[in-house]
C-alpha cells in the first residue's frame, strides 16, 4: 500500500488553504498528480507544512513524522509537494532538494488540479 505524505507551505496552510481541502479532494477523486493511484491501494498518511521560509525545519519535521508513525508501523512511501509550494514558493528548489536528499522515497511535484482562474467566478 502507498502511504502518502503531502508537504505544503506553512503560510498557505495556516492562512489561505482552508484545511487543505483541495489536496484531500484531489486524492479522494484520484485527480491531478494523484491519478497515478487509480485502482491502487493508497492512503494519505499526513499533511505537513514546510516549517516556514525557506523550509528551515523541513528535514526535522520529516524525521518527526517518521518517529511519530513508527509505533504504528506506518511508513511514508511517497511525498507529494502541494501547489502552494510548486506553483508559488520562491524557496521551492531549496525545499524540494532538502526533501529529496533526506526522505528516501519518491518526491512528486503536485497534488490536485483545482486552480481557479478567477476567484470571483
PDB file of N, CA and C in Angstrom:
ATOM      1  N   UNK A   1       0.827  -1.186   0.000  1.00  0.00           N
ATOM      2  CA  UNK A   1       0.000   0.000   0.000  1.00  0.00           C
ATOM      3  C   UNK A   1       0.866   1.241   0.000  1.00  0.00           C
ATOM      4  N   UNK A   2       0.470   2.223  -0.797  1.00  0.00           N
ATOM      5  CA  UNK A   2       1.172   3.505  -0.798  1.00  0.00           C
ATOM      6  C   UNK A   2       0.693   4.337   0.395  1.00  0.00           C
ATOM      7  N   UNK A   3       1.646   4.900   1.115  1.00  0.00           N
ATOM      8  CA  UNK A   3       1.371   5.781   2.252  1.00  0.00           C
ATOM      9  C   UNK A   3       1.904   7.156   1.875  1.00  0.00           C
ATOM     10  N   UNK A   4       1.006   8.103   1.693  1.00  0.00           N
ATOM     11  CA  UNK A   4       1.348   9.387   1.096  1.00  0.00           C
ATOM     12  C   UNK A   4       1.379  10.496   2.133  1.00  0.00           C
ATOM     13  N   UNK A   5       2.439  11.284   2.082  1.00  0.00           N
ATOM     14  CA  UNK A   5       2.576  12.489   2.891  1.00  0.00           C
ATOM     15  C   UNK A   5       2.512  13.672   1.936  1.00  0.00           C
ATOM     16  N   UNK A   6       1.690  14.659   2.267  1.00  0.00           N
ATOM     17  CA  UNK A   6       1.618  15.890   1.482  1.00  0.00           C
ATOM     18  C   UNK A   6       2.359  16.974   2.242  1.00  0.00           C
ATOM     19  N   UNK A   7       3.268  17.669   1.556  1.00  0.00           N
ATOM     20  CA  UNK A   7       4.002  18.784   2.152  1.00  0.00           C
ATOM     21  C   UNK A   7       3.562  20.063   1.458  1.00  0.00           C
ATOM     22  N   UNK A   8       3.132  21.032   2.264  1.00  0.00           N
ATOM     23  CA  UNK A   8       2.684  22.315   1.739  1.00  0.00           C
ATOM     24  C   UNK A   8       3.377  23.473   2.423  1.00  0.00           C
ATOM     25  N   UNK A   9       3.024  24.654   1.983  1.00  0.00           N
ATOM     26  CA  UNK A   9       3.573  25.905   2.505  1.00  0.00           C
ATOM     27  C   UNK A   9       2.928  26.236   3.851  1.00  0.00           C
ATOM     28  N   UNK A  10       3.749  26.515   4.846  1.00  0.00           N
ATOM     29  CA  UNK A  10       3.227  26.841   6.176  1.00  0.00           C
ATOM     30  C   UNK A  10       2.275  28.027   6.123  1.00  0.00           C
ATOM     31  N   UNK A  11       2.669  29.061   5.417  1.00  0.00           N
ATOM     32  CA  UNK A  11       1.832  30.261   5.360  1.00  0.00           C
ATOM     33  C   UNK A  11       0.505  29.985   4.658  1.00  0.00           C
ATOM     34  N   UNK A  12       0.535  29.267   3.575  1.00  0.00           N
ATOM     35  CA  UNK A  12      -0.707  28.961   2.851  1.00  0.00           C
ATOM     36  C   UNK A  12      -1.583  28.016   3.661  1.00  0.00           C
ATOM     37  N   UNK A  13      -0.985  27.001   4.249  1.00  0.00           N
ATOM     38  CA  UNK A  13      -1.773  26.022   5.002  1.00  0.00           C
ATOM     39  C   UNK A  13      -2.402  26.652   6.238  1.00  0.00           C
ATOM     40  N   UNK A  14      -1.718  27.590   6.871  1.00  0.00           N
ATOM     41  CA  UNK A  14      -2.238  28.222   8.077  1.00  0.00           C
ATOM     42  C   UNK A  14      -3.225  29.352   7.779  1.00  0.00           C
ATOM     43  N   UNK A  15      -3.033  30.049   6.664  1.00  0.00           N
ATOM     44  CA  UNK A  15      -3.792  31.272   6.436  1.00  0.00           C
ATOM     45  C   UNK A  15      -4.699  31.275   5.216  1.00  0.00           C
ATOM     46  N   UNK A  16      -4.439  30.434   4.233  1.00  0.00           N
ATOM     47  CA  UNK A  16      -5.133  30.559   2.959  1.00  0.00           C
ATOM     48  C   UNK A  16      -5.968  29.349   2.584  1.00  0.00           C
ATOM     49  N   UNK A  17      -5.474  28.165   2.822  1.00  0.00           N
ATOM     50  CA  UNK A  17      -5.971  26.988   2.126  1.00  0.00           C
ATOM     51  C   UNK A  17      -7.185  26.302   2.741  1.00  0.00           C
ATOM     52  N   UNK A  18      -7.725  26.776   3.810  1.00  0.00           N
ATOM     53  CA  UNK A  18      -8.927  26.214   4.412  1.00  0.00           C
ATOM     54  C   UNK A  18      -8.796  24.696   4.603  1.00  0.00           C
ATOM     55  N   UNK A  19      -7.880  24.294   5.417  1.00  0.00           N
ATOM     56  CA  UNK A  19      -7.736  22.877   5.749  1.00  0.00           C
ATOM     57  C   UNK A  19      -7.201  22.012   4.632  1.00  0.00           C
ATOM     58  N   UNK A  20      -6.606  22.626   3.628  1.00  0.00           N
ATOM     59  CA  UNK A  20      -6.002  21.875   2.523  1.00  0.00           C
ATOM     60  C   UNK A  20      -7.013  20.949   1.858  1.00  0.00           C
ATOM     61  N   UNK A  21      -8.251  21.381   1.790  1.00  0.00           N
ATOM     62  CA  UNK A  21      -9.314  20.526   1.263  1.00  0.00           C
ATOM     63  C   UNK A  21      -9.107  20.161  -0.194  1.00  0.00           C
ATOM     64  N   UNK A  22      -8.508  21.040  -0.996  1.00  0.00           N
ATOM     65  CA  UNK A  22      -8.302  20.709  -2.407  1.00  0.00           C
ATOM     66  C   UNK A  22      -7.344  19.537  -2.570  1.00  0.00           C
ATOM     67  N   UNK A  23      -6.305  19.462  -1.758  1.00  0.00           N
ATOM     68  CA  UNK A  23      -5.402  18.305  -1.829  1.00  0.00           C
ATOM     69  C   UNK A  23      -6.140  17.030  -1.448  1.00  0.00           C
ATOM     70  N   UNK A  24      -6.941  17.090  -0.408  1.00  0.00           N
ATOM     71  CA  UNK A  24      -7.655  15.902   0.050  1.00  0.00           C
ATOM     72  C   UNK A  24      -8.733  15.474  -0.945  1.00  0.00           C
ATOM     73  N   UNK A  25      -9.481  16.442  -1.490  1.00  0.00           N
ATOM     74  CA  UNK A  25     -10.485  16.117  -2.504  1.00  0.00           C
ATOM     75  C   UNK A  25      -9.799  15.554  -3.746  1.00  0.00           C
ATOM     76  N   UNK A  26      -8.686  16.150  -4.145  1.00  0.00           N
ATOM     77  CA  UNK A  26      -7.941  15.642  -5.298  1.00  0.00           C
ATOM     78  C   UNK A  26      -7.510  14.208  -5.097  1.00  0.00           C
ATOM     79  N   UNK A  27      -7.047  13.884  -3.891  1.00  0.00           N
ATOM     80  CA  UNK A  27      -6.664  12.499  -3.614  1.00  0.00           C
ATOM     81  C   UNK A  27      -7.881  11.584  -3.663  1.00  0.00           C
ATOM     82  N   UNK A  28      -8.962  11.979  -2.997  1.00  0.00           N
ATOM     83  CA  UNK A  28     -10.165  11.136  -2.966  1.00  0.00           C
ATOM     84  C   UNK A  28     -10.705  10.872  -4.369  1.00  0.00           C
ATOM     85  N   UNK A  29     -10.585  11.855  -5.260  1.00  0.00           N
ATOM     86  CA  UNK A  29     -11.064  11.695  -6.638  1.00  0.00           C
ATOM     87  C   UNK A  29      -9.997  11.106  -7.561  1.00  0.00           C
ATOM     88  N   UNK A  30      -8.791  10.959  -7.049  1.00  0.00           N
ATOM     89  CA  UNK A  30      -7.639  10.491  -7.830  1.00  0.00           C
ATOM     90  C   UNK A  30      -7.445  11.400  -9.052  1.00  0.00           C
ATOM     91  N   UNK A  31      -7.474  12.704  -8.789  1.00  0.00           N
ATOM     92  CA  UNK A  31      -7.324  13.720  -9.830  1.00  0.00           C
ATOM     93  C   UNK A  31      -5.942  14.365  -9.737  1.00  0.00           C
ATOM     94  N   UNK A  32      -5.524  14.978 -10.824  1.00  0.00           N
ATOM     95  CA  UNK A  32      -4.228  15.647 -10.856  1.00  0.00           C
ATOM     96  C   UNK A  32      -3.101  14.645 -10.723  1.00  0.00           C
ATOM     97  N   UNK A  33      -2.130  14.971  -9.917  1.00  0.00           N
ATOM     98  CA  UNK A  33      -0.979  14.078  -9.728  1.00  0.00           C
ATOM     99  C   UNK A  33      -1.327  12.827  -8.920  1.00  0.00           C
ATOM    100  N   UNK A  34      -2.542  12.781  -8.394  1.00  0.00           N
ATOM    101  CA  UNK A  34      -2.989  11.582  -7.681  1.00  0.00           C
ATOM    102  C   UNK A  34      -3.581  10.538  -8.624  1.00  0.00           C
ATOM    103  N   UNK A  35      -3.699  10.850  -9.907  1.00  0.00           N
ATOM    104  CA  UNK A  35      -4.213   9.875 -10.882  1.00  0.00           C
ATOM    105  C   UNK A  35      -3.401   8.583 -10.865  1.00  0.00           C
ATOM    106  N   UNK A  36      -2.135   8.688 -10.533  1.00  0.00           N
ATOM    107  CA  UNK A  36      -1.253   7.517 -10.503  1.00  0.00           C
ATOM    108  C   UNK A  36      -1.721   6.442  -9.527  1.00  0.00           C
ATOM    109  N   UNK A  37      -2.623   6.798  -8.607  1.00  0.00           N
ATOM    110  CA  UNK A  37      -3.097   5.838  -7.613  1.00  0.00           C
ATOM    111  C   UNK A  37      -4.454   5.220  -7.959  1.00  0.00           C
ATOM    112  N   UNK A  38      -4.998   5.554  -9.133  1.00  0.00           N
ATOM    113  CA  UNK A  38      -6.273   4.958  -9.531  1.00  0.00           C
ATOM    114  C   UNK A  38      -6.135   3.446  -9.572  1.00  0.00           C
ATOM    115  N   UNK A  39      -7.081   2.767  -8.941  1.00  0.00           N
ATOM    116  CA  UNK A  39      -7.070   1.306  -8.916  1.00  0.00           C
ATOM    117  C   UNK A  39      -5.994   0.705  -8.035  1.00  0.00           C
ATOM    118  N   UNK A  40      -5.302   1.534  -7.250  1.00  0.00           N
ATOM    119  CA  UNK A  40      -4.250   1.033  -6.364  1.00  0.00           C
ATOM    120  C   UNK A  40      -4.649   1.279  -4.917  1.00  0.00           C
ATOM    121  N   UNK A  41      -4.039   0.551  -4.037  1.00  0.00           N
ATOM    122  CA  UNK A  41      -4.261   0.718  -2.610  1.00  0.00           C
ATOM    123  C   UNK A  41      -3.356   1.848  -2.120  1.00  0.00           C
ATOM    124  N   UNK A  42      -3.965   2.971  -1.740  1.00  0.00           N
ATOM    125  CA  UNK A  42      -3.190   4.137  -1.307  1.00  0.00           C
ATOM    126  C   UNK A  42      -4.002   4.948  -0.304  1.00  0.00           C
ATOM    127  N   UNK A  43      -3.286   5.606   0.595  1.00  0.00           N
ATOM    128  CA  UNK A  43      -3.956   6.482   1.545  1.00  0.00           C
ATOM    129  C   UNK A  43      -3.068   7.650   1.918  1.00  0.00           C
ATOM    130  N   UNK A  44      -3.723   8.732   2.320  1.00  0.00           N
ATOM    131  CA  UNK A  44      -2.998   9.885   2.850  1.00  0.00           C
ATOM    132  C   UNK A  44      -2.644   9.561   4.296  1.00  0.00           C
ATOM    133  N   UNK A  45      -1.373   9.638   4.612  1.00  0.00           N
ATOM    134  CA  UNK A  45      -0.915   9.364   5.969  1.00  0.00           C
ATOM    135  C   UNK A  45      -0.742  10.660   6.754  1.00  0.00           C
ATOM    136  N   UNK A  46      -0.509  11.768   6.033  1.00  0.00           N
ATOM    137  CA  UNK A  46      -0.348  13.026   6.744  1.00  0.00           C
ATOM    138  C   UNK A  46      -0.249  14.222   5.836  1.00  0.00           C
ATOM    139  N   UNK A  47      -0.494  15.371   6.438  1.00  0.00           N
ATOM    140  CA  UNK A  47      -0.275  16.678   5.833  1.00  0.00           C
ATOM    141  C   UNK A  47       0.753  17.376   6.699  1.00  0.00           C
ATOM    142  N   UNK A  48       1.782  17.916   6.079  1.00  0.00           N
ATOM    143  CA  UNK A  48       2.874  18.531   6.823  1.00  0.00           C
ATOM    144  C   UNK A  48       3.227  19.847   6.161  1.00  0.00           C
ATOM    145  N   UNK A  49       3.452  20.878   6.959  1.00  0.00           N
ATOM    146  CA  UNK A  49       3.932  22.119   6.342  1.00  0.00           C
ATOM    147  C   UNK A  49       5.453  22.129   6.322  1.00  0.00           C
ATOM    148  N   UNK A  50       5.998  23.033   5.554  1.00  0.00           N
ATOM    149  CA  UNK A  50       7.443  23.101   5.305  1.00  0.00           C
ATOM    150  C   UNK A  50       8.250  23.587   6.506  1.00  0.00           C
ATOM    151  N   UNK A  51       7.565  24.136   7.510  1.00  0.00           N
ATOM    152  CA  UNK A  51       8.277  24.649   8.677  1.00  0.00           C
ATOM    153  C   UNK A  51       8.608  26.116   8.580  1.00  0.00           C
ATOM    154  N   UNK A  52       8.095  26.793   7.567  1.00  0.00           N
ATOM    155  CA  UNK A  52       8.273  28.226   7.307  1.00  0.00           C
ATOM    156  C   UNK A  52       9.495  28.477   6.422  1.00  0.00           C
ATOM    157  N   UNK A  53       9.531  29.659   5.875  1.00  0.00           N
ATOM    158  CA  UNK A  53      10.559  30.048   4.893  1.00  0.00           C
ATOM    159  C   UNK A  53      11.951  30.011   5.525  1.00  0.00           C
ATOM    160  N   UNK A  54      12.894  29.534   4.802  1.00  0.00           N
ATOM    161  CA  UNK A  54      12.872  28.880   3.488  1.00  0.00           C
ATOM    162  C   UNK A  54      12.874  27.355   3.602  1.00  0.00           C
ATOM    163  N   UNK A  55      11.948  26.808   4.330  1.00  0.00           N
ATOM    164  CA  UNK A  55      11.918  25.363   4.574  1.00  0.00           C
ATOM    165  C   UNK A  55      12.954  24.985   5.616  1.00  0.00           C
ATOM    166  N   UNK A  56      13.175  25.896   6.547  1.00  0.00           N
ATOM    167  CA  UNK A  56      14.275  25.757   7.503  1.00  0.00           C
ATOM    168  C   UNK A  56      14.189  24.496   8.351  1.00  0.00           C
ATOM    169  N   UNK A  57      12.985  24.018   8.645  1.00  0.00           N
ATOM    170  CA  UNK A  57      12.859  22.857   9.531  1.00  0.00           C
ATOM    171  C   UNK A  57      12.232  21.647   8.839  1.00  0.00           C
ATOM    172  N   UNK A  58      12.193  21.626   7.530  1.00  0.00           N
ATOM    173  CA  UNK A  58      11.517  20.527   6.834  1.00  0.00           C
ATOM    174  C   UNK A  58      12.158  19.173   7.144  1.00  0.00           C
ATOM    175  N   UNK A  59      13.460  19.105   7.217  1.00  0.00           N
ATOM    176  CA  UNK A  59      14.119  17.824   7.490  1.00  0.00           C
ATOM    177  C   UNK A  59      13.764  17.334   8.893  1.00  0.00           C
ATOM    178  N   UNK A  60      13.789  18.208   9.871  1.00  0.00           N
ATOM    179  CA  UNK A  60      13.406  17.846  11.235  1.00  0.00           C
ATOM    180  C   UNK A  60      11.955  17.406  11.277  1.00  0.00           C
ATOM    181  N   UNK A  61      11.094  18.106  10.555  1.00  0.00           N
ATOM    182  CA  UNK A  61       9.666  17.760  10.537  1.00  0.00           C
ATOM    183  C   UNK A  61       9.439  16.395   9.887  1.00  0.00           C
ATOM    184  N   UNK A  62      10.177  16.093   8.822  1.00  0.00           N
ATOM    185  CA  UNK A  62      10.075  14.766   8.198  1.00  0.00           C
ATOM    186  C   UNK A  62      10.512  13.680   9.182  1.00  0.00           C
ATOM    187  N   UNK A  63      11.574  13.944   9.916  1.00  0.00           N
ATOM    188  CA  UNK A  63      12.048  12.977  10.910  1.00  0.00           C
ATOM    189  C   UNK A  63      10.995  12.768  11.999  1.00  0.00           C
ATOM    190  N   UNK A  64      10.318  13.835  12.389  1.00  0.00           N
ATOM    191  CA  UNK A  64       9.266  13.716  13.400  1.00  0.00           C
ATOM    192  C   UNK A  64       8.104  12.864  12.896  1.00  0.00           C
ATOM    193  N   UNK A  65       7.734  13.041  11.623  1.00  0.00           N
ATOM    194  CA  UNK A  65       6.668  12.217  11.043  1.00  0.00           C
ATOM    195  C   UNK A  65       7.054  10.745  11.142  1.00  0.00           C
ATOM    196  N   UNK A  66       8.276  10.441  10.775  1.00  0.00           N
ATOM    197  CA  UNK A  66       8.761   9.058  10.850  1.00  0.00           C
ATOM    198  C   UNK A  66       8.739   8.549  12.291  1.00  0.00           C
ATOM    199  N   UNK A  67       9.215   9.352  13.207  1.00  0.00           N
ATOM    200  CA  UNK A  67       9.265   8.970  14.620  1.00  0.00           C
ATOM    201  C   UNK A  67       7.867   8.732  15.195  1.00  0.00           C
ATOM    202  N   UNK A  68       6.955   9.653  14.923  1.00  0.00           N
ATOM    203  CA  UNK A  68       5.602   9.532  15.467  1.00  0.00           C
ATOM    204  C   UNK A  68       4.836   8.365  14.851  1.00  0.00           C
ATOM    205  N   UNK A  69       5.106   8.029  13.605  1.00  0.00           N
ATOM    206  CA  UNK A  69       4.382   6.949  12.930  1.00  0.00           C
ATOM    207  C   UNK A  69       4.994   5.577  13.171  1.00  0.00           C
ATOM    208  N   UNK A  70       6.230   5.525  13.629  1.00  0.00           N
ATOM    209  CA  UNK A  70       6.927   4.250  13.800  1.00  0.00           C
ATOM    210  C   UNK A  70       6.199   3.278  14.740  1.00  0.00           C
ATOM    211  N   UNK A  71       5.690   3.718  15.892  1.00  0.00           N
ATOM    212  CA  UNK A  71       4.994   2.765  16.774  1.00  0.00           C
ATOM    213  C   UNK A  71       3.746   2.155  16.133  1.00  0.00           C
ATOM    214  N   UNK A  72       3.207   2.795  15.113  1.00  0.00           N
ATOM    215  CA  UNK A  72       2.010   2.286  14.436  1.00  0.00           C
ATOM    216  C   UNK A  72       2.361   1.503  13.178  1.00  0.00           C
ATOM    217  N   UNK A  73       3.644   1.309  12.924  1.00  0.00           N
ATOM    218  CA  UNK A  73       4.119   0.648  11.707  1.00  0.00           C
ATOM    219  C   UNK A  73       3.656   1.353  10.436  1.00  0.00           C
ATOM    220  N   UNK A  74       3.587   2.666  10.483  1.00  0.00           N
ATOM    221  CA  UNK A  74       3.230   3.470   9.312  1.00  0.00           C
ATOM    222  C   UNK A  74       4.516   4.051   8.737  1.00  0.00           C
ATOM    223  N   UNK A  75       4.769   3.768   7.468  1.00  0.00           N
ATOM    224  CA  UNK A  75       5.974   4.271   6.821  1.00  0.00           C
ATOM    225  C   UNK A  75       5.584   4.975   5.525  1.00  0.00           C
ATOM    226  N   UNK A  76       5.992   6.209   5.404  1.00  0.00           N
ATOM    227  CA  UNK A  76       5.705   7.001   4.210  1.00  0.00           C
ATOM    228  C   UNK A  76       6.400   6.346   3.016  1.00  0.00           C
ATOM    229  N   UNK A  77       5.663   6.212   1.894  1.00  0.00           N
ATOM    230  CA  UNK A  77       6.253   5.652   0.675  1.00  0.00           C
ATOM    231  C   UNK A  77       6.354   6.674  -0.448  1.00  0.00           C
ATOM    232  N   UNK A  78       5.570   7.766  -0.352  1.00  0.00           N
ATOM    233  CA  UNK A  78       5.612   8.833  -1.361  1.00  0.00           C
ATOM    234  C   UNK A  78       5.390  10.166  -0.662  1.00  0.00           C
ATOM    235  N   UNK A  79       6.069  11.195  -1.162  1.00  0.00           N
ATOM    236  CA  UNK A  79       5.842  12.560  -0.683  1.00  0.00           C
ATOM    237  C   UNK A  79       5.373  13.383  -1.877  1.00  0.00           C
ATOM    238  N   UNK A  80       4.215  14.012  -1.719  1.00  0.00           N
ATOM    239  CA  UNK A  80       3.696  14.920  -2.746  1.00  0.00           C
ATOM    240  C   UNK A  80       3.894  16.353  -2.266  1.00  0.00           C
ATOM    241  N   UNK A  81       4.403  17.194  -3.154  1.00  0.00           N
ATOM    242  CA  UNK A  81       4.590  18.608  -2.839  1.00  0.00           C
ATOM    243  C   UNK A  81       3.387  19.369  -3.377  1.00  0.00           C
ATOM    244  N   UNK A  82       2.691  20.064  -2.497  1.00  0.00           N
ATOM    245  CA  UNK A  82       1.449  20.749  -2.833  1.00  0.00           C
ATOM    246  C   UNK A  82       1.683  21.958  -3.748  1.00  0.00           C
ATOM    247  N   UNK A  83       0.636  22.357  -4.483  1.00  0.00           N
ATOM    248  CA  UNK A  83       0.747  23.502  -5.388  1.00  0.00           C
ATOM    249  C   UNK A  83       1.144  24.803  -4.699  1.00  0.00           C
ATOM    250  N   UNK A  84       0.836  24.946  -3.416  1.00  0.00           N
ATOM    251  CA  UNK A  84       1.237  26.175  -2.722  1.00  0.00           C
ATOM    252  C   UNK A  84       2.753  26.329  -2.702  1.00  0.00           C
ATOM    253  N   UNK A  85       3.483  25.236  -2.804  1.00  0.00           N
ATOM    254  CA  UNK A  85       4.947  25.297  -2.942  1.00  0.00           C
ATOM    255  C   UNK A  85       5.338  25.223  -4.412  1.00  0.00           C
ATOM    256  N   UNK A  86       4.811  24.231  -5.121  1.00  0.00           N
ATOM    257  CA  UNK A  86       5.205  24.006  -6.520  1.00  0.00           C
ATOM    258  C   UNK A  86       4.965  25.234  -7.387  1.00  0.00           C
ATOM    259  N   UNK A  87       3.814  25.878  -7.223  1.00  0.00           N
ATOM    260  CA  UNK A  87       3.430  26.986  -8.107  1.00  0.00           C
ATOM    261  C   UNK A  87       3.740  28.374  -7.573  1.00  0.00           C
ATOM    262  N   UNK A  88       3.975  28.511  -6.251  1.00  0.00           N
ATOM    263  CA  UNK A  88       4.036  29.861  -5.685  1.00  0.00           C
ATOM    264  C   UNK A  88       5.232  30.166  -4.795  1.00  0.00           C
ATOM    265  N   UNK A  89       5.995  29.175  -4.413  1.00  0.00           N
ATOM    266  CA  UNK A  89       7.039  29.392  -3.412  1.00  0.00           C
ATOM    267  C   UNK A  89       8.376  29.789  -4.030  1.00  0.00           C
ATOM    268  N   UNK A  90       8.949  30.903  -3.589  1.00  0.00           N
ATOM    269  CA  UNK A  90      10.275  31.281  -4.087  1.00  0.00           C
ATOM    270  C   UNK A  90      11.386  30.365  -3.567  1.00  0.00           C
ATOM    271  N   UNK A  91      11.073  29.553  -2.572  1.00  0.00           N
ATOM    272  CA  UNK A  91      12.055  28.632  -1.984  1.00  0.00           C
ATOM    273  C   UNK A  91      11.818  27.192  -2.423  1.00  0.00           C
ATOM    274  N   UNK A  92      11.022  27.005  -3.449  1.00  0.00           N
ATOM    275  CA  UNK A  92      10.639  25.670  -3.924  1.00  0.00           C
ATOM    276  C   UNK A  92      11.845  24.748  -4.101  1.00  0.00           C
ATOM    277  N   UNK A  93      12.848  25.194  -4.819  1.00  0.00           N
ATOM    278  CA  UNK A  93      14.006  24.330  -5.106  1.00  0.00           C
ATOM    279  C   UNK A  93      14.737  23.937  -3.834  1.00  0.00           C
ATOM    280  N   UNK A  94      14.918  24.870  -2.926  1.00  0.00           N
ATOM    281  CA  UNK A  94      15.584  24.573  -1.656  1.00  0.00           C
ATOM    282  C   UNK A  94      14.807  23.536  -0.872  1.00  0.00           C
ATOM    283  N   UNK A  95      13.501  23.749  -0.757  1.00  0.00           N
ATOM    284  CA  UNK A  95      12.649  22.824  -0.003  1.00  0.00           C
ATOM    285  C   UNK A  95      12.659  21.439  -0.647  1.00  0.00           C
ATOM    286  N   UNK A  96      12.458  21.403  -1.946  1.00  0.00           N
ATOM    287  CA  UNK A  96      12.414  20.112  -2.636  1.00  0.00           C
ATOM    288  C   UNK A  96      13.752  19.388  -2.570  1.00  0.00           C
ATOM    289  N   UNK A  97      14.845  20.115  -2.702  1.00  0.00           N
ATOM    290  CA  UNK A  97      16.165  19.479  -2.614  1.00  0.00           C
ATOM    291  C   UNK A  97      16.399  18.877  -1.231  1.00  0.00           C
ATOM    292  N   UNK A  98      15.976  19.585  -0.188  1.00  0.00           N
ATOM    293  CA  UNK A  98      16.121  19.048   1.170  1.00  0.00           C
ATOM    294  C   UNK A  98      15.291  17.784   1.344  1.00  0.00           C
ATOM    295  N   UNK A  99      14.065  17.810   0.848  1.00  0.00           N
ATOM    296  CA  UNK A  99      13.193  16.645   0.988  1.00  0.00           C
ATOM    297  C   UNK A  99      13.765  15.465   0.205  1.00  0.00           C
ATOM    298  N   UNK A 100      14.171  15.717  -1.040  1.00  0.00           N
ATOM    299  CA  UNK A 100      14.722  14.637  -1.867  1.00  0.00           C
ATOM    300  C   UNK A 100      15.986  14.044  -1.247  1.00  0.00           C
ATOM    301  N   UNK A 101      16.800  14.893  -0.624  1.00  0.00           N
ATOM    302  CA  UNK A 101      18.055  14.414  -0.034  1.00  0.00           C
ATOM    303  C   UNK A 101      17.822  13.539   1.198  1.00  0.00           C
ATOM    304  N   UNK A 102      16.738  13.760   1.914  1.00  0.00           N
ATOM    305  CA  UNK A 102      16.557  13.080   3.194  1.00  0.00           C
ATOM    306  C   UNK A 102      15.367  12.132   3.278  1.00  0.00           C
ATOM    307  N   UNK A 103      14.388  12.260   2.400  1.00  0.00           N
ATOM    308  CA  UNK A 103      13.161  11.466   2.544  1.00  0.00           C
ATOM    309  C   UNK A 103      13.386   9.986   2.276  1.00  0.00           C
ATOM    310  N   UNK A 104      14.202   9.662   1.294  1.00  0.00           N
ATOM    311  CA  UNK A 104      14.428   8.253   0.973  1.00  0.00           C
ATOM    312  C   UNK A 104      13.283   7.604   0.220  1.00  0.00           C
ATOM    313  N   UNK A 105      12.340   8.407  -0.256  1.00  0.00           N
ATOM    314  CA  UNK A 105      11.211   7.914  -1.045  1.00  0.00           C
ATOM    315  C   UNK A 105      11.003   8.862  -2.226  1.00  0.00           C
ATOM    316  N   UNK A 106      10.157   8.439  -3.171  1.00  0.00           N
ATOM    317  CA  UNK A 106       9.871   9.284  -4.326  1.00  0.00           C
ATOM    318  C   UNK A 106       9.190  10.578  -3.887  1.00  0.00           C
ATOM    319  N   UNK A 107       9.650  11.691  -4.451  1.00  0.00           N
ATOM    320  CA  UNK A 107       9.070  13.003  -4.181  1.00  0.00           C
ATOM    321  C   UNK A 107       8.419  13.474  -5.477  1.00  0.00           C
ATOM    322  N   UNK A 108       7.131  13.789  -5.406  1.00  0.00           N
ATOM    323  CA  UNK A 108       6.336  14.109  -6.588  1.00  0.00           C
ATOM    324  C   UNK A 108       5.866  15.556  -6.505  1.00  0.00           C
ATOM    325  N   UNK A 109       6.122  16.317  -7.566  1.00  0.00           N
ATOM    326  CA  UNK A 109       5.668  17.706  -7.623  1.00  0.00           C
ATOM    327  C   UNK A 109       4.202  17.743  -7.997  1.00  0.00           C
ATOM    328  N   UNK A 110       3.380  18.226  -7.089  1.00  0.00           N
ATOM    329  CA  UNK A 110       1.978  18.423  -7.383  1.00  0.00           C
ATOM    330  C   UNK A 110       1.059  17.496  -6.630  1.00  0.00           C
ATOM    331  N   UNK A 111      -0.188  17.959  -6.530  1.00  0.00           N
ATOM    332  CA  UNK A 111      -1.254  17.181  -5.903  1.00  0.00           C
ATOM    333  C   UNK A 111      -2.508  17.328  -6.760  1.00  0.00           C
ATOM    334  N   UNK A 112      -3.349  18.294  -6.436  1.00  0.00           N
ATOM    335  CA  UNK A 112      -4.650  18.471  -7.090  1.00  0.00           C
ATOM    336  C   UNK A 112      -4.561  19.376  -8.324  1.00  0.00           C
ATOM    337  N   UNK A 113      -5.588  19.306  -9.203  1.00  0.00           N
ATOM    338  CA  UNK A 113      -5.620  20.176 -10.389  1.00  0.00           C
ATOM    339  C   UNK A 113      -6.556  21.375 -10.221  1.00  0.00           C
ATOM    340  N   UNK A 114      -7.043  21.634  -9.025  1.00  0.00           N
ATOM    341  CA  UNK A 114      -8.107  22.625  -8.824  1.00  0.00           C
ATOM    342  C   UNK A 114      -7.539  24.017  -8.563  1.00  0.00           C
ATOM    343  N   UNK A 115      -7.148  24.674  -9.636  1.00  0.00           N
ATOM    344  CA  UNK A 115      -6.556  26.010  -9.530  1.00  0.00           C
ATOM    345  C   UNK A 115      -7.447  26.984 -10.304  1.00  0.00           C
ATOM    346  N   UNK A 116      -8.261  27.754  -9.601  1.00  0.00           N
ATOM    347  CA  UNK A 116      -9.203  28.638 -10.281  1.00  0.00           C
ATOM    348  C   UNK A 116      -8.509  29.770 -11.032  1.00  0.00           C
ATOM    349  N   UNK A 117      -9.046  30.073 -12.208  1.00  0.00           N
ATOM    350  CA  UNK A 117      -8.520  31.195 -12.985  1.00  0.00           C
ATOM    351  C   UNK A 117      -9.000  32.519 -12.403  1.00  0.00           C
ATOM    352  N   UNK A 118     -10.212  32.504 -11.827  1.00  0.00           N
ATOM    353  CA  UNK A 118     -10.816  33.722 -11.335  1.00  0.00           C
ATOM    354  C   UNK A 118     -11.489  33.391 -10.009  1.00  0.00           C
ATOM    355  N   UNK A 119     -11.040  34.012  -8.929  1.00  0.00           N
ATOM    356  CA  UNK A 119     -11.585  33.678  -7.620  1.00  0.00           C
ATOM    357  C   UNK A 119     -13.024  34.174  -7.450  1.00  0.00           C
ATOM    358  N   UNK A 120     -13.492  35.056  -8.329  1.00  0.00           N
ATOM    359  CA  UNK A 120     -14.857  35.568  -8.208  1.00  0.00           C
ATOM    360  C   UNK A 120     -15.823  34.902  -9.171  1.00  0.00           C
ATOM    361  N   UNK A 121     -15.362  33.844  -9.864  1.00  0.00           N
ATOM    362  CA  UNK A 121     -16.244  33.161 -10.830  1.00  0.00           C
ATOM    363  C   UNK A 121     -17.276  32.318 -10.122  1.00  0.00           C
TER     364      UNK A 121
END
